[in-house]
C-alpha atoms as a PDB file:
ATOM      1  CA  MET A   1      20.518 -37.402  11.032  1.00  0.00           C
ATOM      2  CA  THR A   2      21.031 -34.176   9.314  1.00  0.00           C
ATOM      3  CA  LYS A   3      19.625 -30.885   9.953  1.00  0.00           C
ATOM      4  CA  PRO A   4      16.747 -29.300   9.028  1.00  0.00           C
ATOM      5  CA  ALA A   5      18.567 -26.488   6.634  1.00  0.00           C
ATOM      6  CA  CYS A   6      17.236 -22.522   8.591  1.00  0.00           C
ATOM      7  CA  GLU A   7      16.995 -19.530   6.875  1.00  0.00           C
ATOM      8  CA  PRO A   8      19.145 -17.432   7.390  1.00  0.00           C
ATOM      9  CA  PRO A   9      17.635 -13.737   9.581  1.00  0.00           C
ATOM     10  CA  VAL A  10      17.893 -11.753   6.899  1.00  0.00           C
ATOM     11  CA  VAL A  11      15.459 -14.041   5.413  1.00  0.00           C
ATOM     12  CA  ILE A  12      12.877 -13.887   8.083  1.00  0.00           C
ATOM     13  CA  GLU A  13      13.319 -10.532   8.613  1.00  0.00           C
ATOM     14  CA  LYS A  14      11.989  -9.767   4.469  1.00  0.00           C
ATOM     15  CA  LEU A  15       9.231 -11.765   5.239  1.00  0.00           C
ATOM     16  CA  GLU A  16       8.651 -10.066   8.026  1.00  0.00           C
ATOM     17  CA  GLU A  17       8.228  -6.788   5.584  1.00  0.00           C
ATOM     18  CA  ALA A  18       5.788  -8.729   4.055  1.00  0.00           C
ATOM     19  CA  VAL A  19       3.725  -9.613   6.484  1.00  0.00           C
ATOM     20  CA  GLU A  20       3.371  -5.884   7.583  1.00  0.00           C
ATOM     21  CA  VAL A  21       2.740  -4.734   3.812  1.00  0.00           C
ATOM     22  CA  LEU A  22       0.371  -7.632   3.181  1.00  0.00           C
ATOM     23  CA  LYS A  23      -0.923  -6.505   6.227  1.00  0.00           C
ATOM     24  CA  ALA A  24      -1.431  -2.729   5.510  1.00  0.00           C
ATOM     25  CA  VAL A  25      -3.623  -4.008   2.058  1.00  0.00           C
ATOM     26  CA  ALA A  26      -5.631  -6.528   2.818  1.00  0.00           C
ATOM     27  CA  HIS A  27      -8.833  -3.924   3.776  1.00  0.00           C
ATOM     28  CA  PRO A  28     -10.730  -3.122   0.620  1.00  0.00           C
ATOM     29  CA  ILE A  29     -10.621   0.928   0.362  1.00  0.00           C
ATOM     30  CA  ARG A  30      -6.307   0.246   1.061  1.00  0.00           C
ATOM     31  CA  LEU A  31      -6.852  -2.045  -2.333  1.00  0.00           C
ATOM     32  CA  ARG A  32      -9.066   0.870  -3.530  1.00  0.00           C
ATOM     33  CA  ILE A  33      -6.955   3.977  -2.994  1.00  0.00           C
ATOM     34  CA  ILE A  34      -3.783   1.682  -4.468  1.00  0.00           C
ATOM     35  CA  GLU A  35      -5.583   0.746  -7.138  1.00  0.00           C
ATOM     36  CA  LEU A  36      -7.050   4.822  -8.816  1.00  0.00           C
ATOM     37  CA  LEU A  37      -2.844   4.902  -7.482  1.00  0.00           C
ATOM     38  CA  GLU A  38      -1.784   2.665  -9.830  1.00  0.00           C
ATOM     39  CA  SER A  39      -1.893   4.785 -13.002  1.00  0.00           C
ATOM     40  CA  GLY A  40       0.142   7.844 -11.174  1.00  0.00           C
ATOM     41  CA  GLU A  41       0.097  10.245  -9.032  1.00  0.00           C
ATOM     42  CA  LYS A  42      -3.939  11.514  -7.289  1.00  0.00           C
ATOM     43  CA  SER A  43      -5.269  15.057  -5.201  1.00  0.00           C
ATOM     44  CA  VAL A  44      -6.369  13.278  -2.522  1.00  0.00           C
ATOM     45  CA  THR A  45      -9.388  15.768  -3.434  1.00  0.00           C
ATOM     46  CA  GLU A  46      -8.997  13.486  -7.043  1.00  0.00           C
ATOM     47  CA  ILE A  47      -9.137   9.909  -4.899  1.00  0.00           C
ATOM     48  CA  LEU A  48     -11.779  11.099  -2.840  1.00  0.00           C
ATOM     49  CA  THR A  49     -13.684  11.755  -5.614  1.00  0.00           C
ATOM     50  CA  CYS A  50     -13.031   8.659  -6.519  1.00  0.00           C
ATOM     51  CA  LEU A  51     -14.476   6.649  -3.919  1.00  0.00           C
ATOM     52  CA  GLY A  52     -16.762   8.785  -2.548  1.00  0.00           C
ATOM     53  CA  MET A  53     -15.725   7.897   1.141  1.00  0.00           C
ATOM     54  CA  GLN A  54     -15.772  10.553   3.930  1.00  0.00           C
ATOM     55  CA  GLN A  55     -12.269  12.894   4.359  1.00  0.00           C
ATOM     56  CA  ALA A  56     -11.670  11.389   7.599  1.00  0.00           C
ATOM     57  CA  TYR A  57     -12.087   8.606   6.972  1.00  0.00           C
ATOM     58  CA  THR A  58      -9.578   7.931   3.393  1.00  0.00           C
ATOM     59  CA  SER A  59      -7.183  10.061   5.029  1.00  0.00           C
ATOM     60  CA  GLN A  60      -7.091   7.448   7.471  1.00  0.00           C
ATOM     61  CA  GLN A  61      -6.732   4.548   5.320  1.00  0.00           C
ATOM     62  CA  LEU A  62      -3.510   7.042   3.639  1.00  0.00           C
ATOM     63  CA  ASN A  63      -1.766   7.338   6.447  1.00  0.00           C
ATOM     64  CA  ILE A  64      -1.322   3.699   7.515  1.00  0.00           C
ATOM     65  CA  LEU A  65      -0.363   3.515   3.262  1.00  0.00           C
ATOM     66  CA  LYS A  66       1.798   5.785   4.276  1.00  0.00           C
ATOM     67  CA  SER A  67       3.461   4.232   7.798  1.00  0.00           C
ATOM     68  CA  LYS A  68       3.947   1.203   5.827  1.00  0.00           C
ATOM     69  CA  GLY A  69       6.153   3.233   2.821  1.00  0.00           C
ATOM     70  CA  ILE A  70       3.335   1.166   0.302  1.00  0.00           C
ATOM     71  CA  VAL A  71       2.576   4.975  -0.212  1.00  0.00           C
ATOM     72  CA  THR A  72       4.287   8.227  -0.325  1.00  0.00           C
ATOM     73  CA  ALA A  73       2.603  11.774  -0.072  1.00  0.00           C
ATOM     74  CA  ARG A  74       4.472  14.977  -1.404  1.00  0.00           C
ATOM     75  CA  ARG A  75       2.416  18.682  -0.665  1.00  0.00           C
ATOM     76  CA  GLN A  76       2.281  21.116  -3.383  1.00  0.00           C
ATOM     77  CA  GLY A  77       0.155  24.289  -1.810  1.00  0.00           C
ATOM     78  CA  ASN A  78      -3.185  23.489  -0.178  1.00  0.00           C
ATOM     79  CA  GLN A  79      -3.089  20.237  -1.746  1.00  0.00           C
ATOM     80  CA  VAL A  80      -1.450  16.679  -1.549  1.00  0.00           C
ATOM     81  CA  TYR A  81      -0.534  14.184  -3.998  1.00  0.00           C
ATOM     82  CA  TYR A  82       0.259  10.446  -3.395  1.00  0.00           C
ATOM     83  CA  ALA A  83       1.619   7.765  -5.002  1.00  0.00           C
ATOM     84  CA  VAL A  84       2.568   4.161  -4.939  1.00  0.00           C
ATOM     85  CA  ALA A  85       6.191   3.950  -2.865  1.00  0.00           C
ATOM     86  CA  ARG A  86       6.555  -0.258  -3.970  1.00  0.00           C
ATOM     87  CA  PRO A  87       5.665  -0.994  -7.155  1.00  0.00           C
ATOM     88  CA  SER A  88       6.113  -4.511  -5.794  1.00  0.00           C
ATOM     89  CA  VAL A  89       2.197  -4.007  -4.215  1.00  0.00           C
ATOM     90  CA  ILE A  90       0.928  -3.834  -7.444  1.00  0.00           C
ATOM     91  CA  LYS A  91       2.223  -7.327  -8.381  1.00  0.00           C
ATOM     92  CA  VAL A  92       0.462  -8.882  -5.700  1.00  0.00           C
ATOM     93  CA  ILE A  93      -3.100  -6.571  -6.029  1.00  0.00           C
ATOM     94  CA  HIS A  94      -2.435  -8.354  -9.801  1.00  0.00           C
ATOM     95  CA  CYS A  95      -1.957 -12.055  -9.076  1.00  0.00           C
ATOM     96  CA  LEU A  96      -5.215 -11.641  -5.993  1.00  0.00           C
ATOM     97  CA  ARG A  97      -7.814  -9.995  -9.236  1.00  0.00           C
ATOM     98  CA  GLY A  98      -6.173 -13.216 -11.151  1.00  0.00           C
ATOM     99  CA  ALA A  99      -6.884 -15.990  -8.258  1.00  0.00           C
END
């Protein structure tokens, strides 16, 4: 009897990372934020205007995405700008839209 082929630890680590990213984007507001950022960098003010949500709630969602490395943030004066750090996340969202 032959043993089943086992995945090397590197593959398992990549899968675990993918799971964390999927958990982070598995939220309607976070998905919407990524869709907004798909066209390019946006300020928090622009994101708030598009979402129509409260600033504290939106900042919380942005921080979750940032903590998982899905978006990046940069400060310019008193504005903070966000951009997609992982273009592969946008591909996943496109797949979901097509489903």
